[in-house]
Structure formats: C-alpha cells, structure tokens
N, C-alpha and C. Protein backbone atom coordinates (compact mmCIF):
# COMPACT_ATOMS: atom_id res chain seq x y z
N MET A 1 -32.99 42.26 5.79
CA MET A 1 -32.11 41.18 5.55
C MET A 1 -31.14 42.21 4.60
N SER A 2 -29.83 41.95 4.90
CA SER A 2 -28.84 42.92 4.08
C SER A 2 -28.36 42.05 3.01
N LYS A 3 -28.21 42.71 1.74
CA LYS A 3 -27.69 42.19 0.43
C LYS A 3 -26.24 42.05 0.41
N ASN A 4 -25.62 41.12 0.30
CA ASN A 4 -24.07 41.14 0.01
C ASN A 4 -23.55 41.42 -1.25
N LEU A 5 -22.74 42.68 -1.34
CA LEU A 5 -22.31 42.80 -2.87
C LEU A 5 -21.44 42.11 -3.13
N HIS A 6 -20.87 41.31 -2.55
CA HIS A 6 -19.51 40.63 -3.31
C HIS A 6 -19.77 39.37 -3.05
N THR A 7 -19.89 38.64 -4.01
CA THR A 7 -19.93 37.23 -3.88
C THR A 7 -18.59 36.48 -3.65
N ASN A 8 -17.42 36.93 -3.96
CA ASN A 8 -16.16 36.51 -3.91
C ASN A 8 -15.08 37.71 -3.65
N ILE A 9 -13.86 37.58 -3.41
CA ILE A 9 -12.90 38.47 -3.06
C ILE A 9 -11.85 38.78 -4.32
N CYS A 10 -12.21 38.60 -5.28
CA CYS A 10 -11.57 38.64 -6.60
C CYS A 10 -11.35 40.35 -6.98
N ASP A 11 -11.89 41.08 -6.25
CA ASP A 11 -11.72 42.49 -6.48
C ASP A 11 -10.56 43.08 -5.76
N LYS A 12 -9.56 43.63 -6.47
CA LYS A 12 -8.45 43.94 -5.79
C LYS A 12 -8.31 44.81 -4.65
N LEU A 13 -9.43 45.80 -4.65
CA LEU A 13 -9.39 46.77 -3.74
C LEU A 13 -9.85 45.91 -2.46
N LEU A 14 -10.74 45.00 -2.53
CA LEU A 14 -11.49 44.45 -1.51
C LEU A 14 -10.41 43.63 -0.93
N PHE A 15 -9.59 42.76 -1.73
CA PHE A 15 -8.72 41.88 -1.20
C PHE A 15 -7.60 42.73 -0.53
N SER A 16 -7.09 43.91 -0.83
CA SER A 16 -6.38 44.87 -0.17
C SER A 16 -6.78 44.92 1.05
N LYS A 17 -8.07 45.38 1.29
CA LYS A 17 -8.69 45.88 2.59
C LYS A 17 -8.64 44.59 3.44
N LEU A 18 -9.03 43.34 3.03
CA LEU A 18 -9.06 42.32 3.74
C LEU A 18 -7.53 42.03 4.38
N TYR A 19 -6.62 42.05 3.25
CA TYR A 19 -5.24 41.82 3.66
C TYR A 19 -4.90 42.75 4.84
N ASN A 20 -4.96 44.07 4.68
CA ASN A 20 -4.74 45.02 5.54
C ASN A 20 -5.36 44.90 6.95
N LYS A 21 -6.40 44.35 6.95
CA LYS A 21 -7.50 44.16 8.15
C LYS A 21 -6.83 42.85 8.99
N TYR A 22 -6.40 41.75 8.13
CA TYR A 22 -6.21 40.50 8.80
C TYR A 22 -4.72 39.93 8.98
N ALA A 23 -4.05 40.59 8.14
CA ALA A 23 -2.51 40.14 7.88
C ALA A 23 -1.78 40.05 9.38
N GLN A 24 -1.56 41.32 9.77
CA GLN A 24 -0.86 41.54 10.91
C GLN A 24 -1.38 40.65 12.00
N SER A 25 -2.69 40.87 12.56
CA SER A 25 -3.16 40.00 13.47
C SER A 25 -2.62 38.62 13.45
N LEU A 26 -2.87 38.16 12.21
CA LEU A 26 -2.81 36.71 12.04
C LEU A 26 -1.17 36.24 12.16
N SER A 27 -0.34 37.25 11.68
CA SER A 27 0.92 37.05 11.85
C SER A 27 1.39 37.21 13.15
N ASP A 28 0.55 37.99 14.18
CA ASP A 28 0.91 37.94 15.47
C ASP A 28 0.58 36.77 16.23
N ILE A 29 -0.65 36.29 15.71
CA ILE A 29 -1.16 34.76 16.36
C ILE A 29 -0.17 33.79 16.12
N PHE A 30 0.28 33.53 15.31
CA PHE A 30 1.25 32.61 14.65
C PHE A 30 2.53 32.82 15.29
N TYR A 31 2.95 33.96 15.42
CA TYR A 31 4.23 34.29 16.07
C TYR A 31 4.37 33.81 17.47
N TYR A 32 3.09 34.21 18.08
CA TYR A 32 2.83 33.73 19.62
C TYR A 32 2.64 32.28 19.85
N LYS A 33 2.19 31.50 18.71
CA LYS A 33 1.66 30.32 18.76
C LYS A 33 3.16 29.30 18.54
N TYR A 34 3.89 29.70 17.65
CA TYR A 34 4.76 28.90 17.26
C TYR A 34 6.14 29.52 17.10
N GLY A 35 6.33 30.84 17.48
CA GLY A 35 7.76 31.38 17.62
C GLY A 35 8.09 31.89 16.16
N ALA A 36 9.38 32.68 16.31
CA ALA A 36 10.04 33.49 15.23
C ALA A 36 10.81 32.41 14.29
N GLN A 37 11.30 31.11 14.88
CA GLN A 37 11.98 30.42 13.97
C GLN A 37 11.30 29.96 12.59
N LEU A 38 9.99 29.65 12.61
CA LEU A 38 9.31 29.15 11.39
C LEU A 38 8.62 29.90 10.41
N ASN A 39 9.25 31.39 10.69
CA ASN A 39 8.54 32.51 9.83
C ASN A 39 7.26 32.62 9.68
N PRO A 40 6.39 32.93 10.62
CA PRO A 40 5.06 32.87 10.58
C PRO A 40 4.49 34.12 9.61
N SER A 41 5.42 35.17 9.37
CA SER A 41 4.59 36.23 8.67
C SER A 41 4.75 35.86 7.28
N ASP A 42 5.76 34.82 6.86
CA ASP A 42 5.74 34.41 5.41
C ASP A 42 4.69 33.57 5.45
N LYS A 43 4.33 32.70 6.34
CA LYS A 43 3.26 31.62 6.06
C LYS A 43 2.03 32.35 5.68
N VAL A 44 1.61 33.52 6.46
CA VAL A 44 0.62 34.49 6.34
C VAL A 44 0.69 34.93 4.94
N GLN A 45 1.65 35.44 4.35
CA GLN A 45 1.79 35.89 3.12
C GLN A 45 1.45 34.93 2.11
N ASP A 46 1.92 33.65 2.44
CA ASP A 46 1.61 32.46 1.37
C ASP A 46 0.45 32.16 1.46
N ALA A 47 -0.32 31.96 2.56
CA ALA A 47 -1.60 32.00 2.83
C ALA A 47 -2.52 33.06 1.93
N PHE A 48 -2.18 34.19 1.98
CA PHE A 48 -2.97 35.32 1.46
C PHE A 48 -2.76 35.07 -0.14
N ILE A 49 -1.53 34.68 -0.50
CA ILE A 49 -1.37 34.21 -2.01
C ILE A 49 -2.39 33.05 -2.41
N LYS A 50 -2.34 32.26 -1.58
CA LYS A 50 -3.21 31.16 -1.98
C LYS A 50 -4.63 31.64 -2.20
N MET A 51 -5.00 32.31 -1.02
CA MET A 51 -6.40 32.91 -1.01
C MET A 51 -6.77 33.54 -2.03
N TRP A 52 -5.74 34.36 -2.80
CA TRP A 52 -5.90 35.32 -4.28
C TRP A 52 -6.08 34.20 -5.35
N GLU A 53 -5.21 33.34 -5.31
CA GLU A 53 -5.31 32.24 -6.36
C GLU A 53 -6.74 31.54 -6.60
N ASN A 54 -7.48 31.44 -5.35
CA ASN A 54 -8.70 30.80 -5.14
C ASN A 54 -9.90 31.69 -4.78
N CYS A 55 -9.55 33.10 -5.18
CA CYS A 55 -10.39 34.02 -5.01
C CYS A 55 -11.79 34.00 -5.13
N ALA A 56 -12.29 33.33 -6.30
CA ALA A 56 -13.39 32.91 -6.98
C ALA A 56 -14.18 31.89 -5.93
N LYS A 57 -13.65 31.24 -5.06
CA LYS A 57 -14.12 30.33 -4.15
C LYS A 57 -14.06 30.95 -2.68
N VAL A 58 -13.83 31.93 -2.53
CA VAL A 58 -13.84 32.56 -1.17
C VAL A 58 -14.76 33.62 -0.83
N THR A 59 -15.81 34.01 -0.08
CA THR A 59 -16.48 34.91 -0.16
C THR A 59 -15.82 35.82 1.05
N THR A 60 -16.38 37.10 1.22
CA THR A 60 -15.85 38.12 2.34
C THR A 60 -16.13 37.58 3.65
N GLN A 61 -17.33 36.64 3.81
CA GLN A 61 -17.51 35.84 5.17
C GLN A 61 -16.66 35.07 5.48
N THR A 62 -15.85 34.10 4.55
CA THR A 62 -15.14 33.05 4.89
C THR A 62 -13.64 33.30 4.76
N ALA A 63 -13.56 34.76 4.19
CA ALA A 63 -12.08 35.01 3.97
C ALA A 63 -11.03 34.87 5.32
N LYS A 64 -11.65 35.40 6.37
CA LYS A 64 -10.71 35.12 7.43
C LYS A 64 -10.37 33.81 7.90
N SER A 65 -11.29 32.96 8.19
CA SER A 65 -11.21 31.39 8.41
C SER A 65 -10.66 30.88 7.20
N TYR A 66 -10.70 31.15 6.08
CA TYR A 66 -10.00 30.72 5.02
C TYR A 66 -8.63 30.87 5.05
N VAL A 67 -8.02 32.33 5.21
CA VAL A 67 -6.77 32.50 5.32
C VAL A 67 -6.25 32.01 6.76
N TYR A 68 -6.64 31.85 7.74
CA TYR A 68 -6.33 31.24 9.10
C TYR A 68 -5.89 29.78 9.03
N THR A 69 -7.22 29.10 8.36
CA THR A 69 -6.92 27.80 8.07
C THR A 69 -5.56 27.25 7.19
N VAL A 70 -5.38 28.09 6.33
CA VAL A 70 -4.46 27.95 5.20
C VAL A 70 -3.01 28.13 6.15
N ALA A 71 -2.87 29.43 6.73
CA ALA A 71 -1.79 29.51 7.06
C ALA A 71 -1.33 28.63 8.48
N ASN A 72 -2.36 28.11 9.11
CA ASN A 72 -2.33 27.04 10.24
C ASN A 72 -1.72 26.02 9.62
N ASN A 73 -2.45 25.56 8.55
CA ASN A 73 -1.74 24.25 8.06
C ASN A 73 -0.44 24.30 7.52
N MET A 74 0.03 25.36 6.89
CA MET A 74 1.41 25.75 6.53
C MET A 74 2.23 25.63 7.56
N MET A 75 1.82 26.45 8.72
CA MET A 75 2.65 26.39 10.13
C MET A 75 2.99 24.89 10.46
N LEU A 76 1.87 24.08 10.62
CA LEU A 76 1.96 22.72 10.86
C LEU A 76 2.77 21.65 10.25
N ASN A 77 2.77 22.11 8.56
CA ASN A 77 3.63 21.41 7.90
C ASN A 77 5.06 21.74 8.22
N GLU A 78 5.17 23.02 8.56
CA GLU A 78 6.57 23.50 8.97
C GLU A 78 7.19 22.52 10.20
N VAL A 79 6.23 22.53 10.98
CA VAL A 79 6.71 22.02 12.36
C VAL A 79 7.10 20.51 12.08
N LYS A 80 6.13 19.88 11.28
CA LYS A 80 6.30 18.30 10.79
C LYS A 80 7.76 18.24 10.09
N HIS A 81 8.08 19.26 9.27
CA HIS A 81 9.42 19.30 8.66
C HIS A 81 10.42 19.38 9.58
N GLN A 82 10.42 20.41 10.46
CA GLN A 82 11.49 20.60 11.48
C GLN A 82 11.56 19.36 12.44
N LYS A 83 10.56 18.64 12.56
CA LYS A 83 10.76 17.35 13.32
C LYS A 83 11.50 16.38 12.52
N VAL A 84 11.27 16.26 11.27
CA VAL A 84 11.92 15.18 10.66
C VAL A 84 13.63 15.65 10.14
N VAL A 85 13.75 17.04 10.12
CA VAL A 85 15.11 17.58 9.99
C VAL A 85 15.93 17.21 11.69
N LEU A 86 15.15 17.34 12.45
CA LEU A 86 15.95 17.05 13.98
C LEU A 86 16.24 15.53 13.80
N ASN A 87 15.15 14.83 13.57
CA ASN A 87 15.22 13.24 13.69
C ASN A 87 16.43 12.71 13.00
N TYR A 88 16.44 13.63 11.47
CA TYR A 88 17.45 13.01 10.66
C TYR A 88 19.16 13.47 11.14
N ASN A 89 19.02 14.58 11.86
CA ASN A 89 20.43 14.99 12.52
C ASN A 89 20.78 14.14 13.66
N LYS A 90 19.89 13.46 14.16
CA LYS A 90 20.41 12.73 15.31
C LYS A 90 20.86 11.41 15.04
N VAL A 91 20.69 10.97 13.60
CA VAL A 91 21.25 9.65 13.37
C VAL A 91 22.64 10.30 12.65
N LYS A 92 23.55 9.51 13.25
CA LYS A 92 24.96 9.74 12.82
C LYS A 92 25.54 9.03 11.79
N PRO A 93 26.16 9.52 10.82
CA PRO A 93 26.44 8.63 9.60
C PRO A 93 27.61 7.58 9.95
N LYS A 94 27.66 6.40 9.53
CA LYS A 94 28.50 5.30 9.76
C LYS A 94 29.95 5.81 9.76
N ASP A 95 30.95 6.03 10.66
CA ASP A 95 32.21 6.48 10.44
C ASP A 95 33.31 5.22 10.38
N TYR A 96 32.68 4.13 10.14
CA TYR A 96 33.68 2.85 10.18
C TYR A 96 33.32 1.91 8.79
N THR A 97 34.25 1.06 8.52
CA THR A 97 33.86 0.02 7.65
C THR A 97 34.09 -1.30 8.09
N ASN A 98 33.67 -2.17 7.54
CA ASN A 98 33.85 -3.62 7.83
C ASN A 98 35.20 -4.19 7.17
N GLU A 99 35.69 -3.55 6.17
CA GLU A 99 36.93 -3.71 5.64
C GLU A 99 38.06 -3.62 6.23
N THR A 100 38.84 -4.75 6.15
CA THR A 100 39.95 -4.75 6.85
C THR A 100 41.22 -3.86 6.47
N PRO A 101 42.29 -3.20 6.89
CA PRO A 101 43.20 -2.43 6.53
C PRO A 101 43.82 -3.33 5.18
N GLU A 102 44.19 -4.57 5.47
CA GLU A 102 44.90 -5.22 4.68
C GLU A 102 44.25 -5.32 3.14
N PHE A 103 42.65 -5.50 3.31
CA PHE A 103 41.80 -5.58 2.14
C PHE A 103 41.95 -4.16 1.23
N LEU A 104 41.92 -3.20 2.26
CA LEU A 104 41.94 -1.68 1.65
C LEU A 104 43.24 -1.55 0.81
N LEU A 105 44.49 -2.07 1.24
CA LEU A 105 45.50 -1.90 0.83
C LEU A 105 45.61 -2.70 -0.30
N ARG A 106 45.01 -4.10 -0.21
CA ARG A 106 45.37 -4.89 -1.49
C ARG A 106 44.51 -4.29 -2.44
N LYS A 107 43.38 -3.79 -2.31
CA LYS A 107 42.28 -3.02 -3.20
C LYS A 107 43.15 -1.90 -3.81
N GLU A 108 43.96 -1.34 -3.04
CA GLU A 108 44.55 0.13 -3.84
C GLU A 108 45.67 -0.26 -4.86
N GLN A 109 46.33 -1.53 -4.20
CA GLN A 109 47.34 -2.00 -5.19
C GLN A 109 46.74 -2.60 -6.33
N PHE A 110 45.69 -3.28 -6.29
CA PHE A 110 45.02 -3.72 -7.40
C PHE A 110 44.90 -2.76 -8.57
N LEU A 111 44.14 -1.75 -7.97
CA LEU A 111 43.70 -0.60 -8.83
C LEU A 111 44.95 -0.12 -9.52
N GLU A 112 45.98 0.21 -8.80
CA GLU A 112 47.22 0.72 -9.65
C GLU A 112 47.75 -0.04 -10.55
N ARG A 113 47.72 -1.48 -10.25
CA ARG A 113 48.37 -2.60 -11.36
C ARG A 113 47.16 -2.35 -12.60
N TYR A 114 45.91 -2.34 -12.15
CA TYR A 114 44.81 -2.38 -13.24
C TYR A 114 45.18 -1.22 -14.06
N LYS A 115 45.31 0.01 -13.68
CA LYS A 115 45.44 1.14 -14.46
C LYS A 115 46.95 0.96 -15.19
N LYS A 116 47.79 0.47 -14.81
CA LYS A 116 49.10 0.37 -15.54
C LYS A 116 49.02 -0.66 -16.68
N VAL A 117 48.27 -1.71 -16.51
CA VAL A 117 48.32 -2.62 -17.57
C VAL A 117 47.10 -2.25 -18.43
N LEU A 118 46.04 -1.37 -17.83
CA LEU A 118 44.95 -0.83 -18.86
C LEU A 118 45.70 0.32 -19.79
N SER A 119 46.62 1.01 -19.32
CA SER A 119 47.30 2.02 -20.10
C SER A 119 48.53 1.28 -21.08
N SER A 120 48.89 0.12 -20.99
CA SER A 120 49.92 -0.47 -21.78
C SER A 120 49.10 -1.21 -23.07
N LEU A 121 47.71 -1.25 -23.00
CA LEU A 121 46.95 -1.90 -24.01
C LEU A 121 47.16 -0.87 -25.34
N LYS A 122 46.92 -1.62 -26.35
CA LYS A 122 46.85 -0.78 -27.63
C LYS A 122 45.82 0.22 -27.63
N PRO A 123 45.64 1.41 -28.14
CA PRO A 123 44.85 2.56 -27.92
C PRO A 123 43.52 1.92 -28.48
N GLU A 124 43.28 1.30 -29.63
CA GLU A 124 42.01 0.81 -30.08
C GLU A 124 41.46 -0.32 -29.18
N GLN A 125 42.31 -1.18 -28.54
CA GLN A 125 42.05 -2.36 -27.57
C GLN A 125 41.27 -1.43 -26.25
N ARG A 126 42.08 -0.56 -25.78
CA ARG A 126 41.76 0.29 -24.68
C ARG A 126 40.21 0.85 -24.95
N GLU A 127 40.18 1.56 -25.98
CA GLU A 127 39.00 2.45 -26.29
C GLU A 127 37.73 1.18 -26.57
N ALA A 128 37.81 0.33 -27.17
CA ALA A 128 36.74 -0.63 -27.25
C ALA A 128 36.46 -1.43 -26.02
N PHE A 129 37.45 -1.70 -25.09
CA PHE A 129 37.28 -2.27 -23.95
C PHE A 129 36.62 -1.29 -22.85
N MET A 130 37.07 -0.16 -22.60
CA MET A 130 36.25 0.97 -21.67
C MET A 130 35.07 1.28 -22.45
N LEU A 131 34.65 1.44 -23.58
CA LEU A 131 33.45 1.75 -24.07
C LEU A 131 32.46 0.42 -23.66
N ASN A 132 32.96 -0.70 -23.67
CA ASN A 132 32.33 -1.78 -23.54
C ASN A 132 31.84 -1.98 -22.19
N LYS A 133 32.90 -1.99 -21.60
CA LYS A 133 32.84 -2.51 -19.97
C LYS A 133 32.49 -1.26 -19.19
N ILE A 134 32.98 -0.09 -19.29
CA ILE A 134 32.70 1.22 -18.54
C ILE A 134 31.44 1.86 -18.74
N GLU A 135 31.24 2.05 -20.29
CA GLU A 135 30.01 2.67 -20.71
C GLU A 135 28.81 1.89 -20.91
N GLY A 136 29.00 0.70 -21.07
CA GLY A 136 28.01 -0.43 -21.45
C GLY A 136 27.35 -0.31 -22.76
N LYS A 137 28.25 0.20 -23.83
CA LYS A 137 27.99 0.26 -25.08
C LYS A 137 28.14 -1.42 -25.51
N THR A 138 27.02 -1.72 -26.70
CA THR A 138 27.38 -3.07 -27.20
C THR A 138 28.46 -2.79 -28.35
N HIS A 139 28.52 -4.12 -28.86
CA HIS A 139 29.49 -4.30 -29.90
C HIS A 139 29.03 -3.47 -31.18
N LYS A 140 27.92 -3.47 -31.41
CA LYS A 140 27.41 -2.72 -32.66
C LYS A 140 27.70 -1.32 -32.46
N GLU A 141 27.12 -0.75 -31.15
CA GLU A 141 27.05 0.57 -31.05
C GLU A 141 28.53 1.30 -31.30
N ILE A 142 29.38 0.45 -30.70
CA ILE A 142 31.00 0.73 -30.44
C ILE A 142 31.48 0.61 -31.92
N GLY A 143 31.13 -0.19 -32.72
CA GLY A 143 31.34 -0.41 -34.14
C GLY A 143 30.96 0.92 -34.86
N GLU A 144 29.73 1.26 -34.55
CA GLU A 144 29.17 2.20 -35.48
C GLU A 144 30.02 3.81 -34.80
N MET A 145 30.24 3.80 -33.67
CA MET A 145 31.02 4.97 -33.23
C MET A 145 32.34 5.18 -33.87
N ILE A 146 33.13 4.12 -34.04
CA ILE A 146 34.37 4.11 -34.28
C ILE A 146 34.89 3.71 -35.95
N GLY A 147 33.68 3.42 -36.43
CA GLY A 147 33.75 3.14 -37.78
C GLY A 147 34.49 1.76 -38.19
N VAL A 148 34.31 0.62 -37.41
CA VAL A 148 34.71 -0.59 -37.66
C VAL A 148 33.66 -1.81 -37.45
N THR A 149 33.80 -3.00 -38.06
CA THR A 149 32.68 -3.83 -37.64
C THR A 149 32.27 -4.34 -36.46
N ARG A 150 31.12 -4.93 -36.27
CA ARG A 150 31.25 -5.66 -34.77
C ARG A 150 31.98 -6.72 -34.41
N LYS A 151 32.57 -7.51 -35.39
CA LYS A 151 33.34 -8.48 -35.35
C LYS A 151 34.79 -8.13 -34.83
N ILE A 152 35.24 -7.01 -35.48
CA ILE A 152 36.51 -6.23 -34.94
C ILE A 152 36.37 -5.86 -33.75
N VAL A 153 35.35 -5.29 -33.21
CA VAL A 153 35.20 -4.51 -31.84
C VAL A 153 35.13 -5.70 -30.70
N GLY A 154 34.81 -6.61 -31.13
CA GLY A 154 34.49 -8.11 -30.30
C GLY A 154 35.88 -8.61 -29.98
N HIS A 155 36.68 -8.78 -30.95
CA HIS A 155 38.24 -9.22 -31.29
C HIS A 155 38.88 -8.26 -30.38
N ARG A 156 38.84 -6.86 -30.40
CA ARG A 156 39.51 -5.83 -29.54
C ARG A 156 39.24 -5.98 -28.27
N ILE A 157 38.14 -6.21 -27.95
CA ILE A 157 37.54 -6.56 -26.33
C ILE A 157 37.97 -7.53 -26.00
N TYR A 158 38.00 -8.65 -26.47
CA TYR A 158 38.47 -10.27 -26.03
C TYR A 158 40.00 -10.18 -26.00
N ALA A 159 40.74 -9.39 -26.87
CA ALA A 159 42.12 -9.29 -26.77
C ALA A 159 42.61 -8.37 -25.34
N ALA A 160 41.93 -7.40 -25.43
CA ALA A 160 42.14 -6.55 -23.92
C ALA A 160 41.98 -7.35 -22.93
N PHE A 161 40.56 -8.04 -22.74
CA PHE A 161 40.46 -8.92 -21.71
C PHE A 161 41.55 -10.02 -21.49
N ALA A 162 41.95 -10.59 -22.23
CA ALA A 162 43.12 -11.58 -22.43
C ALA A 162 44.38 -11.03 -21.74
N ILE A 163 44.67 -10.01 -22.29
CA ILE A 163 45.97 -9.22 -21.65
C ILE A 163 45.74 -8.90 -20.21
N LEU A 164 44.56 -8.09 -19.79
CA LEU A 164 44.25 -8.05 -18.44
C LEU A 164 44.36 -9.06 -17.68
N ALA A 165 43.76 -10.45 -17.89
CA ALA A 165 43.56 -11.53 -17.19
C ALA A 165 45.05 -12.27 -17.31
N ALA A 166 45.77 -12.01 -17.95
CA ALA A 166 47.07 -12.49 -18.02
C ALA A 166 48.00 -11.92 -17.09
N GLN A 167 48.18 -10.55 -17.10
CA GLN A 167 48.78 -9.86 -16.09
C GLN A 167 48.19 -9.24 -14.91
N LEU A 168 47.18 -9.71 -14.74
CA LEU A 168 46.46 -9.42 -13.21
C LEU A 168 46.12 -10.54 -12.71
N GLU A 169 46.35 -11.08 -11.70
CA GLU A 169 45.77 -12.20 -10.74
C GLU A 169 44.35 -11.73 -10.47
N ASP A 170 43.44 -12.50 -10.14
CA ASP A 170 42.12 -12.31 -9.64
C ASP A 170 41.20 -11.15 -10.51
N PHE A 171 41.67 -11.22 -11.87
CA PHE A 171 40.92 -10.18 -12.58
C PHE A 171 39.69 -10.95 -13.23
N LYS A 172 38.39 -10.43 -12.98
CA LYS A 172 37.37 -11.15 -13.28
C LYS A 172 36.30 -10.00 -13.72
N LEU A 173 35.31 -10.25 -14.70
CA LEU A 173 34.49 -9.18 -15.05
C LEU A 173 33.12 -9.85 -14.93
C-alpha cells in the first residue's frame, strides 16, 4: 500500500505541476464543447484560482475532478447568462406612447408657464417652495437651513402656492 505524501495541494510546487498537467487539456475540452465565445481558458483559470483558494480541502487525487467540475459549472453559468442576454435583446423597447400629441403640447406649454411664474416669485418664496415641494424638506428643516422660523417658512410656501394657483389654471399639488 503506497503512502500519500500530500494530503492537500497547498504546496506551490505541487499546485504548479497540477496546473501544467491539466490546464491546457481542460481548456481544449471546454473549447470543443462550448466554443471560443464563452472564453473557456478564462473559466479554467478561474477554476484553478478557486481550487487554490480551497487548496486545504482538495487532495491530489481529487484535484482533476474538482477543477473540471468547477470550470464546467462556470461554463454552464455563462451559457445560462448568454441565454438571458439573448432573450432580453429579443424584447423590443416600447417606441410609442398612449399620450396624444395634443396632451404632449399642452404639457409642454404648461411647463413653460410654470417656469415663468416660478421665476417671477420673490427669491425667498421660490427658495422655500422649491425646498419643500422638490426636495421634500419639512418646514422645520427649511427654517434651520435659511435661518428663519418654521412659521415664516410656511407663510412663504403658501404665498408661493397662492401665486402659482392664481396664475396657472389646473395647478395642483
């Protein structure tokens, strides 16, 4: 009965010998099986890296099957990924909208009027309104930011809202 000198493959010299012995043939097998598009030599390299990371668990007797199994699983995962990519590419993005040209024109005109009215507000009203409605800040947070009380912030926001509502039809928040 022969005694095995190495219980695992963590020795650099032994690992290097295993790599030289199996890497090219495994790469060739996966090249023939899956083709060059899936980069079989890269998968073999990755499998050897994984084997090195788990070298304490792998013996010299199981090294070949371990690296083959890991590389094969990587190739199968890549095949599955390529199928997902192909299925995704088959789905065409929606190039139409249910909005009528009239609605789109009205929307554009409303946004122009909104910007014009917003720019006509007093700077402190516009600042408080934008911080509240656009950024979602509370009256207390805005007051702390600009150095005024919460009540003044509320007054500025509601004054801006009143001006916008008066000058814009269909203005709602």
